[in-house]
Protein backbone atom coordinates (compact mmCIF):
# COMPACT_ATOMS: atom_id res chain seq x y z
CA UNK A 1 0.00 0.00 0.00
CA UNK A 2 2.74 2.45 -0.90
CA UNK A 3 2.99 4.49 -4.07
CA UNK A 4 0.08 2.63 -5.64
CA UNK A 5 -2.23 3.82 -2.86
CA UNK A 6 -1.10 7.43 -3.29
CA UNK A 7 -1.69 7.25 -7.03
CA UNK A 8 -5.12 5.74 -6.46
CA UNK A 9 -6.13 8.43 -3.99
CA UNK A 10 -4.98 11.24 -6.26
CA UNK A 11 -6.73 9.65 -9.24
CA UNK A 12 -9.93 9.46 -7.22
CA UNK A 13 -9.60 13.15 -6.33
CA UNK A 14 -9.07 14.05 -9.99
CA UNK A 15 -12.14 12.05 -11.01
CA UNK A 16 -14.29 13.81 -8.40
CA UNK A 17 -13.06 17.21 -9.59
CA UNK A 18 -13.96 16.31 -13.16
CA UNK A 19 -17.39 15.09 -12.10
CA UNK A 20 -18.03 18.28 -10.09
CA UNK A 21 -18.71 20.20 -13.30
CA UNK A 22 -21.92 18.25 -13.92
CA UNK A 23 -22.70 16.40 -10.66
CA UNK A 24 -24.08 18.38 -7.71
CA UNK A 25 -22.90 15.89 -5.08
CA UNK A 26 -19.37 15.88 -6.47
CA UNK A 27 -19.44 19.68 -6.52
CA UNK A 28 -20.31 19.75 -2.81
CA UNK A 29 -17.53 17.23 -2.14
CA UNK A 30 -14.98 19.51 -3.80
CA UNK A 31 -16.29 22.84 -2.50
CA UNK A 32 -16.55 21.59 1.06
CA UNK A 33 -12.83 20.75 1.18
CA UNK A 34 -11.42 24.01 -0.19
CA UNK A 35 -10.53 25.73 3.09
CA UNK A 36 -10.66 22.88 5.60
CA UNK A 37 -7.24 23.53 7.12
CA UNK A 38 -7.86 27.28 7.51
CA UNK A 39 -11.21 26.48 9.11
CA UNK A 40 -9.57 24.09 11.58
CA UNK A 41 -6.78 26.54 12.49
CA UNK A 42 -9.39 29.21 13.15
CA UNK A 43 -11.56 27.04 15.37
CA UNK A 44 -8.98 25.05 17.35
CA UNK A 45 -6.74 26.54 20.01
CA UNK A 46 -3.64 25.06 21.61
CA UNK A 47 -5.50 24.40 24.86
CA UNK A 48 -8.35 22.43 23.31
CA UNK A 49 -8.65 18.75 24.14
CA UNK A 50 -10.12 17.25 20.99
CA UNK A 51 -11.91 13.96 20.48
CA UNK A 52 -12.08 13.27 16.74
CA UNK A 53 -14.99 11.21 15.41
CA UNK A 54 -15.09 10.36 11.73
CA UNK A 55 -18.14 9.08 9.85
CA UNK A 56 -18.24 8.32 6.15
CA UNK A 57 -21.84 9.43 5.73
CA UNK A 58 -25.19 9.81 7.48
CA UNK A 59 -25.65 6.17 8.45
CA UNK A 60 -22.26 6.02 10.12
CA UNK A 61 -22.99 9.30 11.87
CA UNK A 62 -26.05 7.72 13.48
CA UNK A 63 -23.80 4.97 14.81
CA UNK A 64 -21.28 7.48 16.13
CA UNK A 65 -23.86 9.85 17.55
CA UNK A 66 -24.45 7.93 20.82
CA UNK A 67 -20.69 8.08 21.47
CA UNK A 68 -20.70 11.86 20.95
CA UNK A 69 -23.64 12.25 23.31
CA UNK A 70 -22.00 10.08 25.97
CA UNK A 71 -18.75 12.05 25.78
CA UNK A 72 -20.60 15.35 26.06
CA UNK A 73 -22.50 14.09 29.08
CA UNK A 74 -19.64 12.45 30.97
CA UNK A 75 -16.49 14.23 29.76
CA UNK A 76 -17.26 17.88 29.26
CA UNK A 77 -13.56 18.73 29.20
CA UNK A 78 -13.34 17.53 25.60
CA UNK A 79 -14.32 19.24 22.39
CA UNK A 80 -15.78 17.10 19.61
CA UNK A 81 -14.46 17.31 16.06
CA UNK A 82 -16.84 15.52 13.69
CA UNK A 83 -15.65 14.85 10.15
CA UNK A 84 -17.47 13.41 7.15
CA UNK A 85 -16.29 11.94 3.87
CA UNK A 86 -19.58 12.26 1.97
CA UNK A 87 -21.81 15.30 1.32
CA UNK A 88 -24.85 13.18 2.19
CA UNK A 89 -23.58 13.13 5.76
CA UNK A 90 -22.02 16.57 6.06
CA UNK A 91 -24.74 18.61 4.38
CA UNK A 92 -27.46 17.13 6.61
CA UNK A 93 -25.52 17.24 9.90
CA UNK A 94 -23.25 20.27 9.45
CA UNK A 95 -25.21 22.10 12.17
CA UNK A 96 -25.33 19.21 14.65
CA UNK A 97 -25.22 21.02 18.00
CA UNK A 98 -23.27 18.51 20.07
CA UNK A 99 -20.20 18.67 17.84
CA UNK A 100 -17.99 21.70 18.41
CA UNK A 101 -16.31 21.51 15.00
CA UNK A 102 -17.71 19.87 11.86
CA UNK A 103 -15.84 19.50 8.59
CA UNK A 104 -15.17 17.37 5.55
CA UNK A 105 -12.22 15.00 5.83
CA UNK A 106 -9.45 16.09 3.45
CA UNK A 107 -8.48 13.44 0.93
CA UNK A 108 -6.16 10.81 2.42
CA UNK A 109 -2.72 11.85 1.17
CA UNK A 110 0.33 11.67 3.44
CA UNK A 111 0.64 15.47 3.38
CA UNK A 112 -3.01 16.07 4.26
CA UNK A 113 -2.97 13.51 7.06
CA UNK A 114 0.10 15.09 8.68
CA UNK A 115 -1.32 18.60 8.41
CA UNK A 116 -4.71 17.55 9.76
CA UNK A 117 -3.26 15.73 12.78
CA UNK A 118 -0.75 18.54 13.48
CA UNK A 119 -3.60 21.06 13.69
CA UNK A 120 -6.16 18.97 15.54
CA UNK A 121 -3.84 17.04 17.88
CA UNK A 122 -6.69 14.74 18.97
CA UNK A 123 -6.49 12.91 22.29
CA UNK A 124 -8.55 10.00 20.98
CA UNK A 125 -10.02 9.09 17.59
CA UNK A 126 -13.12 7.07 16.75
CA UNK A 127 -13.63 5.81 13.21
CA UNK A 128 -17.11 4.45 12.54
CA UNK A 129 -17.77 1.04 10.99
CA UNK A 130 -15.74 0.86 7.76
CA UNK A 131 -13.19 3.66 7.74
CA UNK A 132 -9.65 2.52 6.88
CA UNK A 133 -7.73 5.55 5.60
CA UNK A 134 -4.10 4.46 5.45
CA UNK A 135 -2.31 7.80 5.80
CA UNK A 136 -4.51 9.08 8.61
CA UNK A 137 -4.20 5.81 10.51
CA UNK A 138 -0.43 5.66 10.05
CA UNK A 139 0.04 9.30 11.10
CA UNK A 140 -2.11 8.87 14.20
CA UNK A 141 -0.24 5.70 15.14
CA UNK A 142 3.14 7.39 14.74
CA UNK A 143 1.93 10.19 17.02
CA UNK A 144 0.79 7.65 19.64
CA UNK A 145 -2.83 8.76 19.34
CA UNK A 146 -5.25 5.87 20.02
CA UNK A 147 -7.73 5.03 17.27
CA UNK A 148 -10.85 2.95 17.92
CA UNK A 149 -13.17 1.36 15.38
CA UNK A 150 -16.81 1.61 16.50
CA UNK A 151 -19.61 -0.70 15.33
CA UNK A 152 -17.16 -2.47 13.07
CA UNK A 153 -18.39 -5.37 11.00
CA UNK A 154 -16.34 -7.68 8.83
CA UNK A 155 -17.17 -10.23 6.14
CA UNK A 156 -15.01 -12.96 4.67
CA UNK A 157 -15.40 -11.42 1.20
CA UNK A 158 -13.43 -8.35 2.27
CA UNK A 159 -9.91 -8.00 0.92
CA UNK A 160 -8.32 -8.16 4.39
CA UNK A 161 -9.21 -11.83 4.70
CA UNK A 162 -8.07 -13.00 1.27
CA UNK A 163 -4.62 -14.36 0.51
CA UNK A 164 -4.05 -11.47 -1.88
CA UNK A 165 -4.98 -8.95 0.81
CA UNK A 166 -2.19 -9.64 3.27
CA UNK A 167 -0.54 -6.24 2.74
CA UNK A 168 -3.79 -4.46 3.60
CA UNK A 169 -3.90 -6.08 7.04
CA UNK A 170 -1.18 -3.68 8.15
CA UNK A 171 -3.96 -1.13 8.59
CA UNK A 172 -5.33 -3.16 11.50
CA UNK A 173 -2.06 -2.68 13.41
CA UNK A 174 -2.80 1.03 13.63
CA UNK A 175 -5.96 0.54 15.71
CA UNK A 176 -5.89 0.54 19.49
CA UNK A 177 -9.07 -1.55 19.69
CA UNK A 178 -11.96 -2.79 17.59
CA UNK A 179 -15.53 -2.62 18.93
CA UNK A 180 -17.38 -4.97 16.64
CA UNK A 181 -20.99 -5.92 16.08
CA UNK A 182 -20.91 -9.70 16.08
CA UNK A 183 -18.89 -12.82 16.82
CA UNK A 184 -18.49 -13.63 13.11
CA UNK A 185 -16.45 -10.44 12.78
CA UNK A 186 -14.43 -11.47 15.82
CA UNK A 187 -13.71 -14.90 14.33
CA UNK A 188 -12.49 -13.29 11.12
CA UNK A 189 -10.15 -10.99 13.02
CA UNK A 190 -8.83 -13.94 15.01
CA UNK A 191 -8.18 -15.84 11.78
CA UNK A 192 -5.58 -13.23 10.82
CA UNK A 193 -4.10 -12.88 14.29
CA UNK A 194 -6.04 -9.87 15.58
CA UNK A 195 -7.03 -10.20 19.24
CA UNK A 196 -7.63 -6.62 20.38
CA UNK A 197 -11.38 -6.55 19.85
CA UNK A 198 -14.59 -6.57 21.87
CA UNK A 199 -17.89 -7.92 20.59
CA UNK A 200 -20.37 -5.38 21.94
CA UNK A 201 -23.01 -4.98 19.23
CA UNK A 202 -24.18 -2.01 17.23
CA UNK A 203 -24.47 1.43 18.82
CA UNK A 204 -27.62 2.03 16.75
CA UNK A 205 -29.58 -0.05 19.27
CA UNK A 206 -28.67 2.43 22.00
CA UNK A 207 -29.55 5.27 19.66
CA UNK A 208 -33.05 4.06 18.76
CA UNK A 209 -33.85 3.42 22.43
CA UNK A 210 -32.89 7.01 23.23
CA UNK A 211 -34.96 8.27 20.29
CA UNK A 212 -38.01 6.31 21.42
CA UNK A 213 -37.73 7.63 24.99
CA UNK A 214 -37.58 11.25 23.88
CA UNK A 215 -39.68 11.13 20.71
CA UNK A 216 -42.07 13.98 20.04
CA UNK A 217 -45.80 13.39 20.39
CA UNK A 218 -48.06 14.48 17.52
CA UNK A 219 -51.62 15.08 18.70
CA UNK A 220 -53.19 15.11 15.25
CA UNK A 221 -51.48 11.87 14.21
CA UNK A 222 -52.58 10.22 17.44
CA UNK A 223 -56.10 11.29 16.58
CA UNK A 224 -55.77 9.87 13.07
CA UNK A 225 -54.67 6.50 14.48
CA UNK A 226 -57.03 6.39 17.47
CA UNK A 227 -58.92 3.07 17.81
CA UNK A 228 -57.70 1.97 14.38
CA UNK A 229 -55.55 -0.74 12.87
CA UNK A 230 -52.58 1.15 11.41
CA UNK A 231 -49.65 0.31 9.16
CA UNK A 232 -46.71 2.71 9.35
CA UNK A 233 -44.60 2.65 6.20
CA UNK A 234 -41.17 4.28 6.40
CA UNK A 235 -38.94 5.43 3.52
CA UNK A 236 -41.10 3.71 0.91
CA UNK A 237 -40.23 3.51 -2.78
CA UNK A 238 -42.59 3.00 -5.72
CA UNK A 239 -42.54 -0.80 -5.60
CA UNK A 240 -43.25 -0.75 -1.85
CA UNK A 241 -46.03 1.74 -2.40
CA UNK A 242 -47.71 -0.48 -4.98
CA UNK A 243 -48.23 -3.16 -2.32
CA UNK A 244 -49.29 -0.70 0.37
CA UNK A 245 -51.78 1.12 -1.84
CA UNK A 246 -53.35 -2.07 -3.16
CA UNK A 247 -53.74 -3.44 0.35
CA UNK A 248 -55.33 -0.27 1.69
CA UNK A 249 -57.69 -0.12 -1.28
CA UNK A 250 -58.79 -3.68 -0.49
CA UNK A 251 -59.09 -3.22 3.30
CA UNK A 252 -61.23 -0.28 4.32
CA UNK A 253 -60.86 -1.12 8.03
CA UNK A 254 -57.10 -0.49 8.04
CA UNK A 255 -55.31 2.86 7.99
CA UNK A 256 -51.93 3.78 6.58
CA UNK A 257 -49.33 6.33 7.65
CA UNK A 258 -46.81 6.53 4.83
CA UNK A 259 -43.52 8.47 4.80
CA UNK A 260 -42.25 8.18 1.20
CA UNK A 261 -38.55 8.30 0.52
CA UNK A 262 -39.26 10.75 -2.29
CA UNK A 263 -41.45 13.72 -1.31
CA UNK A 264 -41.39 15.65 -4.58
CA UNK A 265 -44.82 16.78 -5.69
CA UNK A 266 -44.99 14.40 -8.65
CA UNK A 267 -44.45 11.37 -6.42
CA UNK A 268 -46.95 12.55 -3.81
CA UNK A 269 -49.53 13.10 -6.55
CA UNK A 270 -48.90 9.61 -7.91
CA UNK A 271 -49.54 8.08 -4.48
CA UNK A 272 -52.69 10.13 -3.90
CA UNK A 273 -54.10 9.37 -7.34
CA UNK A 274 -53.84 5.61 -6.85
CA UNK A 275 -55.48 5.49 -3.43
CA UNK A 276 -59.26 5.03 -3.47
CA UNK A 277 -59.75 6.02 0.16
CA UNK A 278 -59.61 9.53 1.62
CA UNK A 279 -56.03 10.80 1.72
CA UNK A 280 -54.58 13.60 3.87
CA UNK A 281 -51.15 15.19 3.71
CA UNK A 282 -49.54 15.97 7.04
CA UNK A 283 -48.95 19.58 5.96
CA UNK A 284 -52.77 19.99 5.82
CA UNK A 285 -53.63 18.00 8.95
CA UNK A 286 -54.59 20.99 11.09
CA UNK A 287 -57.20 22.00 8.52
CA UNK A 288 -59.22 18.78 8.86
CA UNK A 289 -60.46 16.16 11.27
CA UNK A 290 -57.76 13.45 10.91
CA UNK A 291 -60.19 10.71 11.90
CA UNK A 292 -62.09 11.21 8.65
CA UNK A 293 -59.16 9.92 6.57
CA UNK A 294 -57.75 6.47 5.87
CA UNK A 295 -54.28 7.43 4.60
CA UNK A 296 -51.89 10.03 6.00
CA UNK A 297 -48.95 11.00 3.81
CA UNK A 298 -45.97 12.51 5.61
CA UNK A 299 -44.80 15.17 3.17
CA UNK A 300 -41.70 16.28 5.07
CA UNK A 301 -38.37 14.90 6.30
CA UNK A 302 -37.42 14.22 9.91
CA UNK A 303 -40.55 12.86 11.61
CA UNK A 304 -40.35 9.19 10.74
CA UNK A 305 -38.63 7.79 13.82
CA UNK A 306 -41.40 9.18 16.05
CA UNK A 307 -44.26 7.90 13.88
CA UNK A 308 -43.93 4.16 14.38
CA UNK A 309 -45.51 4.35 17.84
CA UNK A 310 -48.85 5.20 16.21
CA UNK A 311 -49.11 1.86 14.38
CA UNK A 312 -49.26 -1.85 15.03
CA UNK A 313 -47.28 -3.08 11.99
CA UNK A 314 -44.31 -1.47 10.24
CA UNK A 315 -43.29 -1.72 6.62
CA UNK A 316 -39.74 -0.57 5.80
CA UNK A 317 -38.99 0.54 2.26
CA UNK A 318 -35.99 -0.03 0.03
CA UNK A 319 -36.09 -3.81 -0.04
CA UNK A 320 -36.86 -3.93 -3.75
CA UNK A 321 -33.98 -1.60 -4.57
CA UNK A 322 -30.50 -1.08 -3.13
CA UNK A 323 -31.45 -2.29 0.34
CA UNK A 324 -33.79 -1.68 3.25
CA UNK A 325 -33.81 1.39 5.43
CA UNK A 326 -33.52 1.39 9.23
CA UNK A 327 -35.72 -1.33 10.77
CA UNK A 328 -34.64 -0.63 14.36
CA UNK A 329 -36.57 2.64 14.56
CA UNK A 330 -39.74 0.56 14.21
CA UNK A 331 -38.70 -2.55 16.13
CA UNK A 332 -37.89 -0.51 19.26
CA UNK A 333 -41.62 0.18 19.66
CA UNK A 334 -42.40 -3.53 19.60
CA UNK A 335 -43.76 -3.92 16.07
CA UNK A 336 -43.67 -6.69 13.48
CA UNK A 337 -41.49 -5.42 10.66
CA UNK A 338 -41.98 -6.25 6.97
CA UNK A 339 -39.68 -5.42 4.05
CA UNK A 340 -38.64 -6.54 0.59
CA UNK A 341 -36.02 -9.17 -0.36
CA UNK A 342 -32.90 -6.95 -0.40
CA UNK A 343 -31.94 -7.17 3.27
CA UNK A 344 -28.89 -9.48 3.25
CA UNK A 345 -26.39 -6.73 4.11
CA UNK A 346 -28.22 -5.89 7.33
CA UNK A 347 -27.42 -8.20 10.21
CA UNK A 348 -30.20 -6.81 12.38
CA UNK A 349 -32.75 -7.75 9.70
CA UNK A 350 -31.37 -11.26 9.34
CA UNK A 351 -31.36 -11.78 13.10
CA UNK A 352 -34.88 -10.43 13.61
CA UNK A 353 -36.16 -12.70 10.83
CA UNK A 354 -34.60 -15.69 12.61
CA UNK A 355 -36.28 -14.68 15.85
CA UNK A 356 -39.66 -14.26 14.17
CA UNK A 357 -40.06 -10.51 14.59
CA UNK A 358 -39.46 -9.53 10.96
CA UNK A 359 -40.56 -10.87 7.59
CA UNK A 360 -39.22 -10.49 4.07
CA UNK A 361 -41.82 -10.46 1.31
CA UNK A 362 -41.23 -11.06 -2.40
CA UNK A 363 -44.58 -10.22 -3.93
CA UNK A 364 -48.00 -8.81 -3.14
CA UNK A 365 -49.53 -12.16 -2.19
CA UNK A 366 -46.90 -12.71 0.50
CA UNK A 367 -47.43 -9.16 1.73
CA UNK A 368 -51.21 -9.61 1.88
CA UNK A 369 -51.02 -12.99 3.62
CA UNK A 370 -48.75 -11.68 6.35
CA UNK A 371 -50.73 -8.49 6.87
CA UNK A 372 -54.02 -10.40 7.05
CA UNK A 373 -52.60 -12.71 9.71
CA UNK A 374 -51.20 -9.90 11.83
CA UNK A 375 -54.39 -7.87 11.78
CA UNK A 376 -56.76 -10.81 12.25
CA UNK A 377 -55.04 -12.64 15.11
CA UNK A 378 -54.41 -10.43 18.12
CA UNK A 379 -52.36 -13.08 19.92
CA UNK A 380 -50.01 -13.53 16.97
CA UNK A 381 -49.56 -9.76 16.71
CA UNK A 382 -48.78 -9.47 20.43
CA UNK A 383 -46.26 -12.32 20.38
CA UNK A 384 -44.38 -10.97 17.37
CA UNK A 385 -44.42 -7.45 18.79
CA UNK A 386 -42.83 -8.73 21.99
CA UNK A 387 -40.08 -10.44 19.98
CA UNK A 388 -39.17 -7.17 18.25
CA UNK A 389 -39.21 -5.16 21.46
CA UNK A 390 -37.01 -7.66 23.32
CA UNK A 391 -34.61 -7.92 20.38
CA UNK A 392 -33.78 -4.23 20.59
CA UNK A 393 -33.68 -4.10 24.39
CA UNK A 394 -31.39 -7.13 24.64
CA UNK A 395 -29.02 -5.82 21.97
CA UNK A 396 -28.31 -2.48 23.65
CA UNK A 397 -25.27 -1.62 25.76
CA UNK A 398 -22.50 -1.05 23.21
CA UNK A 399 -22.07 2.60 24.19
CA UNK A 400 -21.48 1.81 27.87
CA UNK A 401 -18.92 -0.86 26.93
CA UNK A 402 -17.05 1.54 24.64
CA UNK A 403 -17.06 4.40 27.13
CA UNK A 404 -15.82 2.24 30.00
CA UNK A 405 -12.96 0.92 27.88
CA UNK A 406 -11.84 4.21 26.31
CA UNK A 407 -12.16 6.68 29.20
């Protein structure tokens, strides 16, 4: 991983710059890194004690967020530097109030890594899940700054565990400790001689429990759902919506709260047009009696995690595309969770299916059969709901383990 890595990194940077002329995300990636070092010098003083937390994007941020909150609560002497690689993380969380400094991570060249570490001088560093930037890791190691991997997860298909990937394993030597999600990851690390790890689960379980405890109450939505059988559909895509709409059209005694992944007007109109029952958008809910409607469309971003408590069954979108969205935000409320067939990359989905709290569906008939069972047999619904609730509760605790080890 010598000169070839440097050439690869610089080639990647050149490609992003070229793409920035016609791709908005690439443009943000480039623009956001223009004055990073000046920004850091301006906002960090010699007396600051910095904890650096790096997340690739938004999903990794959610895994790192409970660590940030725990540090702020228990170790107020530290400042938090939060860095992102992707615009989809930075642009959404650039005003996150518990981080003192938020920036893009400069591209991983040896020069950038040295300059970044020289300015920040972090006391401890937490990389979330998959981050293995060679020059940053090497520079931190040479400066005797401990680096921890949080919510790490490994698979045998990864290059580290192949015969041809032996040179890449050097990166693991730069970590002080690995906090990993499951024993399979631990077994893989052991197979290449790595012993400095703790199997403590995924910090997202702690996060969703905290969200559920402090979630906002919505009076009008509670009124919509009152004394009704309700499906809550989160981050749905068109294929998901086909099933949901058909089922609601066929079952007048069941209500639907749907938070589409895409909230552009054209998509909202498409959903409304295909529903035969009375439909209400959340933005208009104060103008009507919510109880008069069968379908509530959430036409904004940010409410979803608090909505699941108003239903009995959750449907999580994305399973007919790249992969499902977060199932834990629903499971924490003790709900059966349904989703499409693309869930294999999500250990929590696979585990909850094994336990009987979640179900993958491949077509409308499977969807209908499962929904009919859940809404017709109260005992079945209660038993499955309890499985989901216990799954989340029993999987929590990673944050406490990490904090006790690192501080």
